[in-house]
Amino acid sequence: MTDPKPKPHAAPRIVVVGSINMDFSAVVQMLPRPGETVLGSAFEENPGGKGANQAVAAAPLGASSAVVGRVGNDAIGQQLLCSLQENQVDVATVN
């Protein structure tokens, strides 16, 4: 006989081992040829990395999400950690 009260399921735990990096993008009129310098009209920094992106994508789906990786001990590393934490990703194993 089955239990009439379904047991609550724990949220799945997702642990991603992968890259955590900052993407730098510039808007230019044309791609430079080898050795050529071109001026950009805009510049953006966006957190990324295949591992970080997967961990961030899992969090809003109800999973407990964590990432294992490394970041630099600089301002960009701190930005990456803050971005992951803002997206409910556990960064306890990032060093």
PDB file of N, CA and C in Angstrom:
ATOM      1  N   MET A   1       0.839  -1.177   0.000  1.00  0.00           N
ATOM      2  CA  MET A   1       0.000   0.000   0.000  1.00  0.00           C
ATOM      3  C   MET A   1       0.888   1.246   0.000  1.00  0.00           C
ATOM      4  N   THR A   2       0.507   2.232  -0.793  1.00  0.00           N
ATOM      5  CA  THR A   2       1.293   3.450  -0.883  1.00  0.00           C
ATOM      6  C   THR A   2       0.919   4.410   0.233  1.00  0.00           C
ATOM      7  N   ASP A   3       1.891   5.218   0.616  1.00  0.00           N
ATOM      8  CA  ASP A   3       1.683   6.217   1.654  1.00  0.00           C
ATOM      9  C   ASP A   3       0.793   7.317   1.081  1.00  0.00           C
ATOM     10  N   PRO A   4      -0.343   7.645   1.721  1.00  0.00           N
ATOM     11  CA  PRO A   4      -1.240   8.661   1.167  1.00  0.00           C
ATOM     12  C   PRO A   4      -0.642  10.066   1.183  1.00  0.00           C
ATOM     13  N   LYS A   5       0.316  10.315   2.072  1.00  0.00           N
ATOM     14  CA  LYS A   5       0.945  11.632   2.120  1.00  0.00           C
ATOM     15  C   LYS A   5       2.302  11.563   1.414  1.00  0.00           C
ATOM     16  N   PRO A   6       2.425  12.236   0.296  1.00  0.00           N
ATOM     17  CA  PRO A   6       3.730  12.203  -0.376  1.00  0.00           C
ATOM     18  C   PRO A   6       4.783  12.901   0.492  1.00  0.00           C
ATOM     19  N   LYS A   7       5.966  12.319   0.504  1.00  0.00           N
ATOM     20  CA  LYS A   7       7.066  12.899   1.268  1.00  0.00           C
ATOM     21  C   LYS A   7       7.690  14.026   0.460  1.00  0.00           C
ATOM     22  N   PRO A   8       8.004  15.123   1.153  1.00  0.00           N
ATOM     23  CA  PRO A   8       8.636  16.223   0.413  1.00  0.00           C
ATOM     24  C   PRO A   8      10.031  15.816  -0.050  1.00  0.00           C
ATOM     25  N   HIS A   9      10.349  16.216  -1.249  1.00  0.00           N
ATOM     26  CA  HIS A   9      11.657  15.908  -1.813  1.00  0.00           C
ATOM     27  C   HIS A   9      12.601  17.076  -1.523  1.00  0.00           C
ATOM     28  N   ALA A  10      13.798  16.745  -1.177  1.00  0.00           N
ATOM     29  CA  ALA A  10      14.811  17.787  -0.994  1.00  0.00           C
ATOM     30  C   ALA A  10      15.166  18.364  -2.358  1.00  0.00           C
ATOM     31  N   ALA A  11      15.531  19.631  -2.349  1.00  0.00           N
ATOM     32  CA  ALA A  11      15.943  20.261  -3.604  1.00  0.00           C
ATOM     33  C   ALA A  11      17.189  19.556  -4.127  1.00  0.00           C
ATOM     34  N   PRO A  12      17.261  19.317  -5.427  1.00  0.00           N
ATOM     35  CA  PRO A  12      18.460  18.687  -5.977  1.00  0.00           C
ATOM     36  C   PRO A  12      19.689  19.545  -5.695  1.00  0.00           C
ATOM     37  N   ARG A  13      20.803  18.905  -5.466  1.00  0.00           N
ATOM     38  CA  ARG A  13      22.069  19.627  -5.233  1.00  0.00           C
ATOM     39  C   ARG A  13      22.921  19.481  -6.482  1.00  0.00           C
ATOM     40  N   ILE A  14      23.220  20.612  -7.091  1.00  0.00           N
ATOM     41  CA  ILE A  14      24.029  20.656  -8.302  1.00  0.00           C
ATOM     42  C   ILE A  14      25.391  21.235  -7.932  1.00  0.00           C
ATOM     43  N   VAL A  15      26.452  20.515  -8.239  1.00  0.00           N
ATOM     44  CA  VAL A  15      27.810  21.011  -8.036  1.00  0.00           C
ATOM     45  C   VAL A  15      28.504  21.004  -9.396  1.00  0.00           C
ATOM     46  N   VAL A  16      28.970  22.161  -9.808  1.00  0.00           N
ATOM     47  CA  VAL A  16      29.610  22.312 -11.108  1.00  0.00           C
ATOM     48  C   VAL A  16      31.097  22.572 -10.896  1.00  0.00           C
ATOM     49  N   VAL A  17      31.936  21.817 -11.581  1.00  0.00           N
ATOM     50  CA  VAL A  17      33.372  22.064 -11.589  1.00  0.00           C
ATOM     51  C   VAL A  17      33.684  22.665 -12.954  1.00  0.00           C
ATOM     52  N   GLY A  18      34.129  23.918 -12.950  1.00  0.00           N
ATOM     53  CA  GLY A  18      34.373  24.536 -14.246  1.00  0.00           C
ATOM     54  C   GLY A  18      34.939  25.929 -14.143  1.00  0.00           C
ATOM     55  N   SER A  19      34.982  26.580 -15.268  1.00  0.00           N
ATOM     56  CA  SER A  19      35.627  27.886 -15.371  1.00  0.00           C
ATOM     57  C   SER A  19      34.741  29.008 -14.834  1.00  0.00           C
ATOM     58  N   ILE A  20      35.411  29.994 -14.276  1.00  0.00           N
ATOM     59  CA  ILE A  20      34.776  31.221 -13.791  1.00  0.00           C
ATOM     60  C   ILE A  20      35.639  32.343 -14.337  1.00  0.00           C
ATOM     61  N   ASN A  21      35.096  33.164 -15.212  1.00  0.00           N
ATOM     62  CA  ASN A  21      35.919  34.217 -15.784  1.00  0.00           C
ATOM     63  C   ASN A  21      35.098  35.450 -16.119  1.00  0.00           C
ATOM     64  N   MET A  22      35.799  36.541 -16.388  1.00  0.00           N
ATOM     65  CA  MET A  22      35.169  37.787 -16.796  1.00  0.00           C
ATOM     66  C   MET A  22      35.349  37.926 -18.300  1.00  0.00           C
ATOM     67  N   ASP A  23      34.244  38.152 -18.997  1.00  0.00           N
ATOM     68  CA  ASP A  23      34.291  38.366 -20.441  1.00  0.00           C
ATOM     69  C   ASP A  23      34.453  39.859 -20.706  1.00  0.00           C
ATOM     70  N   PHE A  24      35.370  40.215 -21.596  1.00  0.00           N
ATOM     71  CA  PHE A  24      35.576  41.605 -22.007  1.00  0.00           C
ATOM     72  C   PHE A  24      35.134  41.737 -23.454  1.00  0.00           C
ATOM     73  N   SER A  25      34.238  42.683 -23.724  1.00  0.00           N
ATOM     74  CA  SER A  25      33.724  42.886 -25.085  1.00  0.00           C
ATOM     75  C   SER A  25      33.882  44.348 -25.490  1.00  0.00           C
ATOM     76  N   ALA A  26      34.298  44.556 -26.718  1.00  0.00           N
ATOM     77  CA  ALA A  26      34.422  45.906 -27.260  1.00  0.00           C
ATOM     78  C   ALA A  26      33.663  45.981 -28.579  1.00  0.00           C
ATOM     79  N   VAL A  27      33.051  47.125 -28.821  1.00  0.00           N
ATOM     80  CA  VAL A  27      32.353  47.364 -30.085  1.00  0.00           C
ATOM     81  C   VAL A  27      33.318  48.127 -30.992  1.00  0.00           C
ATOM     82  N   VAL A  28      33.563  47.564 -32.169  1.00  0.00           N
ATOM     83  CA  VAL A  28      34.463  48.193 -33.145  1.00  0.00           C
ATOM     84  C   VAL A  28      33.775  48.235 -34.509  1.00  0.00           C
ATOM     85  N   GLN A  29      34.235  49.136 -35.361  1.00  0.00           N
ATOM     86  CA  GLN A  29      33.659  49.269 -36.699  1.00  0.00           C
ATOM     87  C   GLN A  29      34.063  48.114 -37.610  1.00  0.00           C
ATOM     88  N   MET A  30      35.284  47.597 -37.405  1.00  0.00           N
ATOM     89  CA  MET A  30      35.764  46.483 -38.224  1.00  0.00           C
ATOM     90  C   MET A  30      36.763  45.675 -37.403  1.00  0.00           C
ATOM     91  N   LEU A  31      36.943  44.429 -37.762  1.00  0.00           N
ATOM     92  CA  LEU A  31      37.925  43.598 -37.081  1.00  0.00           C
ATOM     93  C   LEU A  31      39.324  44.027 -37.498  1.00  0.00           C
ATOM     94  N   PRO A  32      40.241  44.087 -36.566  1.00  0.00           N
ATOM     95  CA  PRO A  32      41.611  44.489 -36.933  1.00  0.00           C
ATOM     96  C   PRO A  32      42.331  43.403 -37.713  1.00  0.00           C
ATOM     97  N   ARG A  33      43.186  43.819 -38.611  1.00  0.00           N
ATOM     98  CA  ARG A  33      44.075  42.891 -39.309  1.00  0.00           C
ATOM     99  C   ARG A  33      45.286  42.653 -38.413  1.00  0.00           C
ATOM    100  N   PRO A  34      46.073  41.632 -38.662  1.00  0.00           N
ATOM    101  CA  PRO A  34      47.251  41.384 -37.821  1.00  0.00           C
ATOM    102  C   PRO A  34      48.124  42.629 -37.678  1.00  0.00           C
ATOM    103  N   GLY A  35      48.418  43.013 -36.438  1.00  0.00           N
ATOM    104  CA  GLY A  35      49.257  44.156 -36.149  1.00  0.00           C
ATOM    105  C   GLY A  35      48.545  45.500 -36.173  1.00  0.00           C
ATOM    106  N   GLU A  36      47.268  45.517 -36.558  1.00  0.00           N
ATOM    107  CA  GLU A  36      46.522  46.766 -36.679  1.00  0.00           C
ATOM    108  C   GLU A  36      45.799  47.082 -35.359  1.00  0.00           C
ATOM    109  N   THR A  37      45.695  48.361 -35.039  1.00  0.00           N
ATOM    110  CA  THR A  37      44.946  48.830 -33.879  1.00  0.00           C
ATOM    111  C   THR A  37      43.687  49.521 -34.371  1.00  0.00           C
ATOM    112  N   VAL A  38      42.550  49.180 -33.764  1.00  0.00           N
ATOM    113  CA  VAL A  38      41.296  49.858 -34.101  1.00  0.00           C
ATOM    114  C   VAL A  38      40.710  50.433 -32.816  1.00  0.00           C
ATOM    115  N   LEU A  39      39.972  51.516 -32.945  1.00  0.00           N
ATOM    116  CA  LEU A  39      39.334  52.152 -31.795  1.00  0.00           C
ATOM    117  C   LEU A  39      37.961  51.543 -31.558  1.00  0.00           C
ATOM    118  N   GLY A  40      37.636  51.387 -30.297  1.00  0.00           N
ATOM    119  CA  GLY A  40      36.327  50.871 -29.936  1.00  0.00           C
ATOM    120  C   GLY A  40      35.405  51.991 -29.489  1.00  0.00           C
ATOM    121  N   SER A  41      34.110  51.793 -29.659  1.00  0.00           N
ATOM    122  CA  SER A  41      33.134  52.810 -29.258  1.00  0.00           C
ATOM    123  C   SER A  41      32.422  52.439 -27.957  1.00  0.00           C
ATOM    124  N   ALA A  42      32.570  51.204 -27.495  1.00  0.00           N
ATOM    125  CA  ALA A  42      31.941  50.771 -26.239  1.00  0.00           C
ATOM    126  C   ALA A  42      32.729  49.592 -25.693  1.00  0.00           C
ATOM    127  N   PHE A  43      32.655  49.419 -24.386  1.00  0.00           N
ATOM    128  CA  PHE A  43      33.366  48.340 -23.726  1.00  0.00           C
ATOM    129  C   PHE A  43      32.484  47.806 -22.609  1.00  0.00           C
ATOM    130  N   GLU A  44      32.415  46.475 -22.465  1.00  0.00           N
ATOM    131  CA  GLU A  44      31.610  45.847 -21.417  1.00  0.00           C
ATOM    132  C   GLU A  44      32.401  44.748 -20.736  1.00  0.00           C
ATOM    133  N   GLU A  45      32.138  44.564 -19.443  1.00  0.00           N
ATOM    134  CA  GLU A  45      32.657  43.439 -18.671  1.00  0.00           C
ATOM    135  C   GLU A  45      31.445  42.645 -18.192  1.00  0.00           C
ATOM    136  N   ASN A  46      31.430  41.340 -18.449  1.00  0.00           N
ATOM    137  CA  ASN A  46      30.320  40.489 -18.027  1.00  0.00           C
ATOM    138  C   ASN A  46      30.853  39.207 -17.414  1.00  0.00           C
ATOM    139  N   PRO A  47      30.351  38.850 -16.217  1.00  0.00           N
ATOM    140  CA  PRO A  47      30.770  37.588 -15.609  1.00  0.00           C
ATOM    141  C   PRO A  47      30.369  36.421 -16.496  1.00  0.00           C
ATOM    142  N   GLY A  48      31.223  35.407 -16.550  1.00  0.00           N
ATOM    143  CA  GLY A  48      30.911  34.250 -17.380  1.00  0.00           C
ATOM    144  C   GLY A  48      31.771  33.066 -17.023  1.00  0.00           C
ATOM    145  N   GLY A  49      31.933  32.208 -17.990  1.00  0.00           N
ATOM    146  CA  GLY A  49      32.645  30.949 -17.805  1.00  0.00           C
ATOM    147  C   GLY A  49      31.627  29.820 -17.850  1.00  0.00           C
ATOM    148  N   LYS A  50      31.960  28.740 -18.515  1.00  0.00           N
ATOM    149  CA  LYS A  50      30.992  27.648 -18.676  1.00  0.00           C
ATOM    150  C   LYS A  50      30.530  27.098 -17.333  1.00  0.00           C
ATOM    151  N   GLY A  51      31.444  26.932 -16.397  1.00  0.00           N
ATOM    152  CA  GLY A  51      31.053  26.411 -15.084  1.00  0.00           C
ATOM    153  C   GLY A  51      30.154  27.376 -14.334  1.00  0.00           C
ATOM    154  N   ALA A  52      30.560  28.645 -14.275  1.00  0.00           N
ATOM    155  CA  ALA A  52      29.766  29.655 -13.574  1.00  0.00           C
ATOM    156  C   ALA A  52      28.385  29.800 -14.205  1.00  0.00           C
ATOM    157  N   ASN A  53      28.323  29.818 -15.526  1.00  0.00           N
ATOM    158  CA  ASN A  53      27.035  29.963 -16.211  1.00  0.00           C
ATOM    159  C   ASN A  53      26.096  28.792 -15.903  1.00  0.00           C
ATOM    160  N   GLN A  54      26.631  27.580 -15.837  1.00  0.00           N
ATOM    161  CA  GLN A  54      25.798  26.414 -15.519  1.00  0.00           C
ATOM    162  C   GLN A  54      25.276  26.493 -14.092  1.00  0.00           C
ATOM    163  N   ALA A  55      26.129  26.885 -13.151  1.00  0.00           N
ATOM    164  CA  ALA A  55      25.707  26.992 -11.752  1.00  0.00           C
ATOM    165  C   ALA A  55      24.633  28.067 -11.596  1.00  0.00           C
ATOM    166  N   VAL A  56      24.799  29.200 -12.266  1.00  0.00           N
ATOM    167  CA  VAL A  56      23.812  30.283 -12.206  1.00  0.00           C
ATOM    168  C   VAL A  56      22.490  29.829 -12.831  1.00  0.00           C
ATOM    169  N   ALA A  57      22.547  29.087 -13.922  1.00  0.00           N
ATOM    170  CA  ALA A  57      21.327  28.625 -14.595  1.00  0.00           C
ATOM    171  C   ALA A  57      20.554  27.624 -13.742  1.00  0.00           C
ATOM    172  N   ALA A  58      21.233  26.827 -12.919  1.00  0.00           N
ATOM    173  CA  ALA A  58      20.569  25.813 -12.102  1.00  0.00           C
ATOM    174  C   ALA A  58      19.833  26.419 -10.914  1.00  0.00           C
ATOM    175  N   ALA A  59      20.347  27.515 -10.366  1.00  0.00           N
ATOM    176  CA  ALA A  59      19.781  28.091  -9.147  1.00  0.00           C
ATOM    177  C   ALA A  59      18.299  28.471  -9.270  1.00  0.00           C
ATOM    178  N   PRO A  60      17.858  29.182 -10.309  1.00  0.00           N
ATOM    179  CA  PRO A  60      16.440  29.557 -10.377  1.00  0.00           C
ATOM    180  C   PRO A  60      15.497  28.385 -10.667  1.00  0.00           C
ATOM    181  N   LEU A  61      16.048  27.224 -10.992  1.00  0.00           N
ATOM    182  CA  LEU A  61      15.220  26.052 -11.258  1.00  0.00           C
ATOM    183  C   LEU A  61      14.894  25.281  -9.985  1.00  0.00           C
ATOM    184  N   GLY A  62      15.315  25.827  -8.833  1.00  0.00           N
ATOM    185  CA  GLY A  62      15.008  25.196  -7.560  1.00  0.00           C
ATOM    186  C   GLY A  62      16.110  24.306  -7.026  1.00  0.00           C
ATOM    187  N   ALA A  63      17.224  24.251  -7.689  1.00  0.00           N
ATOM    188  CA  ALA A  63      18.332  23.419  -7.229  1.00  0.00           C
ATOM    189  C   ALA A  63      19.210  24.215  -6.278  1.00  0.00           C
ATOM    190  N   SER A  64      19.826  23.505  -5.351  1.00  0.00           N
ATOM    191  CA  SER A  64      20.867  24.095  -4.533  1.00  0.00           C
ATOM    192  C   SER A  64      22.128  24.021  -5.385  1.00  0.00           C
ATOM    193  N   SER A  65      22.661  25.170  -5.757  1.00  0.00           N
ATOM    194  CA  SER A  65      23.713  25.222  -6.756  1.00  0.00           C
ATOM    195  C   SER A  65      25.031  25.678  -6.139  1.00  0.00           C
ATOM    196  N   ALA A  66      26.120  25.001  -6.500  1.00  0.00           N
ATOM    197  CA  ALA A  66      27.454  25.360  -6.045  1.00  0.00           C
ATOM    198  C   ALA A  66      28.419  25.224  -7.205  1.00  0.00           C
ATOM    199  N   VAL A  67      29.520  25.978  -7.121  1.00  0.00           N
ATOM    200  CA  VAL A  67      30.539  25.899  -8.150  1.00  0.00           C
ATOM    201  C   VAL A  67      31.893  25.676  -7.478  1.00  0.00           C
ATOM    202  N   VAL A  68      32.715  24.836  -8.112  1.00  0.00           N
ATOM    203  CA  VAL A  68      34.084  24.583  -7.669  1.00  0.00           C
ATOM    204  C   VAL A  68      34.997  25.192  -8.724  1.00  0.00           C
ATOM    205  N   GLY A  69      35.861  26.097  -8.304  1.00  0.00           N
ATOM    206  CA  GLY A  69      36.761  26.729  -9.257  1.00  0.00           C
ATOM    207  C   GLY A  69      37.694  27.688  -8.557  1.00  0.00           C
ATOM    208  N   ARG A  70      38.384  28.477  -9.356  1.00  0.00           N
ATOM    209  CA  ARG A  70      39.344  29.450  -8.823  1.00  0.00           C
ATOM    210  C   ARG A  70      39.114  30.796  -9.494  1.00  0.00           C
ATOM    211  N   VAL A  71      39.340  31.850  -8.718  1.00  0.00           N
ATOM    212  CA  VAL A  71      39.345  33.205  -9.261  1.00  0.00           C
ATOM    213  C   VAL A  71      40.586  33.905  -8.736  1.00  0.00           C
ATOM    214  N   GLY A  72      40.979  34.972  -9.384  1.00  0.00           N
ATOM    215  CA  GLY A  72      42.132  35.721  -8.941  1.00  0.00           C
ATOM    216  C   GLY A  72      41.863  36.479  -7.651  1.00  0.00           C
ATOM    217  N   ASN A  73      42.931  36.834  -6.960  1.00  0.00           N
ATOM    218  CA  ASN A  73      42.841  37.603  -5.725  1.00  0.00           C
ATOM    219  C   ASN A  73      42.939  39.091  -6.070  1.00  0.00           C
ATOM    220  N   ASP A  74      41.983  39.566  -6.864  1.00  0.00           N
ATOM    221  CA  ASP A  74      41.978  40.949  -7.314  1.00  0.00           C
ATOM    222  C   ASP A  74      40.539  41.443  -7.418  1.00  0.00           C
ATOM    223  N   ALA A  75      40.346  42.646  -7.909  1.00  0.00           N
ATOM    224  CA  ALA A  75      39.008  43.235  -8.003  1.00  0.00           C
ATOM    225  C   ALA A  75      38.094  42.412  -8.908  1.00  0.00           C
ATOM    226  N   ILE A  76      38.624  41.879  -9.991  1.00  0.00           N
ATOM    227  CA  ILE A  76      37.788  41.078 -10.896  1.00  0.00           C
ATOM    228  C   ILE A  76      37.351  39.793 -10.211  1.00  0.00           C
ATOM    229  N   GLY A  77      38.250  39.155  -9.485  1.00  0.00           N
ATOM    230  CA  GLY A  77      37.884  37.957  -8.730  1.00  0.00           C
ATOM    231  C   GLY A  77      36.763  38.241  -7.749  1.00  0.00           C
ATOM    232  N   GLN A  78      36.835  39.380  -7.076  1.00  0.00           N
ATOM    233  CA  GLN A  78      35.781  39.752  -6.124  1.00  0.00           C
ATOM    234  C   GLN A  78      34.454  40.011  -6.844  1.00  0.00           C
ATOM    235  N   GLN A  79      34.514  40.651  -8.016  1.00  0.00           N
ATOM    236  CA  GLN A  79      33.299  40.874  -8.807  1.00  0.00           C
ATOM    237  C   GLN A  79      32.647  39.539  -9.187  1.00  0.00           C
ATOM    238  N   LEU A  80      33.473  38.578  -9.581  1.00  0.00           N
ATOM    239  CA  LEU A  80      32.948  37.274  -9.985  1.00  0.00           C
ATOM    240  C   LEU A  80      32.283  36.571  -8.805  1.00  0.00           C
ATOM    241  N   LEU A  81      32.922  36.600  -7.637  1.00  0.00           N
ATOM    242  CA  LEU A  81      32.334  35.984  -6.444  1.00  0.00           C
ATOM    243  C   LEU A  81      31.013  36.653  -6.078  1.00  0.00           C
ATOM    244  N   CYS A  82      30.981  37.974  -6.105  1.00  0.00           N
ATOM    245  CA  CYS A  82      29.744  38.700  -5.786  1.00  0.00           C
ATOM    246  C   CYS A  82      28.628  38.358  -6.766  1.00  0.00           C
ATOM    247  N   SER A  83      28.965  38.278  -8.041  1.00  0.00           N
ATOM    248  CA  SER A  83      27.965  37.945  -9.050  1.00  0.00           C
ATOM    249  C   SER A  83      27.370  36.559  -8.803  1.00  0.00           C
ATOM    250  N   LEU A  84      28.219  35.585  -8.493  1.00  0.00           N
ATOM    251  CA  LEU A  84      27.727  34.235  -8.210  1.00  0.00           C
ATOM    252  C   LEU A  84      26.828  34.238  -6.975  1.00  0.00           C
ATOM    253  N   GLN A  85      27.252  34.918  -5.915  1.00  0.00           N
ATOM    254  CA  GLN A  85      26.457  34.966  -4.694  1.00  0.00           C
ATOM    255  C   GLN A  85      25.123  35.663  -4.925  1.00  0.00           C
ATOM    256  N   GLU A  86      25.111  36.726  -5.712  1.00  0.00           N
ATOM    257  CA  GLU A  86      23.862  37.426  -6.038  1.00  0.00           C
ATOM    258  C   GLU A  86      22.896  36.516  -6.787  1.00  0.00           C
ATOM    259  N   ASN A  87      23.435  35.509  -7.454  1.00  0.00           N
ATOM    260  CA  ASN A  87      22.617  34.546  -8.200  1.00  0.00           C
ATOM    261  C   ASN A  87      22.390  33.264  -7.416  1.00  0.00           C
ATOM    262  N   GLN A  88      22.528  33.328  -6.099  1.00  0.00           N
ATOM    263  CA  GLN A  88      22.267  32.211  -5.181  1.00  0.00           C
ATOM    264  C   GLN A  88      23.130  30.980  -5.452  1.00  0.00           C
ATOM    265  N   VAL A  89      24.376  31.190  -5.837  1.00  0.00           N
ATOM    266  CA  VAL A  89      25.318  30.099  -6.051  1.00  0.00           C
ATOM    267  C   VAL A  89      26.269  30.039  -4.845  1.00  0.00           C
ATOM    268  N   ASP A  90      26.428  28.864  -4.288  1.00  0.00           N
ATOM    269  CA  ASP A  90      27.343  28.644  -3.164  1.00  0.00           C
ATOM    270  C   ASP A  90      28.781  28.702  -3.691  1.00  0.00           C
ATOM    271  N   VAL A  91      29.585  29.602  -3.120  1.00  0.00           N
ATOM    272  CA  VAL A  91      30.959  29.786  -3.571  1.00  0.00           C
ATOM    273  C   VAL A  91      31.976  29.327  -2.509  1.00  0.00           C
ATOM    274  N   ALA A  92      31.546  28.508  -1.565  1.00  0.00           N
ATOM    275  CA  ALA A  92      32.424  28.070  -0.473  1.00  0.00           C
ATOM    276  C   ALA A  92      33.661  27.318  -1.002  1.00  0.00           C
ATOM    277  N   THR A  93      33.545  26.677  -2.158  1.00  0.00           N
ATOM    278  CA  THR A  93      34.669  25.904  -2.693  1.00  0.00           C
ATOM    279  C   THR A  93      35.409  26.643  -3.812  1.00  0.00           C
ATOM    280  N   VAL A  94      35.165  27.942  -3.928  1.00  0.00           N
ATOM    281  CA  VAL A  94      35.913  28.764  -4.886  1.00  0.00           C
ATOM    282  C   VAL A  94      37.049  29.434  -4.130  1.00  0.00           C
ATOM    283  N   ASN A  95      38.254  29.275  -4.636  1.00  0.00           N
ATOM    284  CA  ASN A  95      39.378  29.954  -3.987  1.00  0.00           C
ATOM    285  C   ASN A  95      40.282  30.585  -5.020  1.00  0.00           C
TER     286      ASN A  95
END
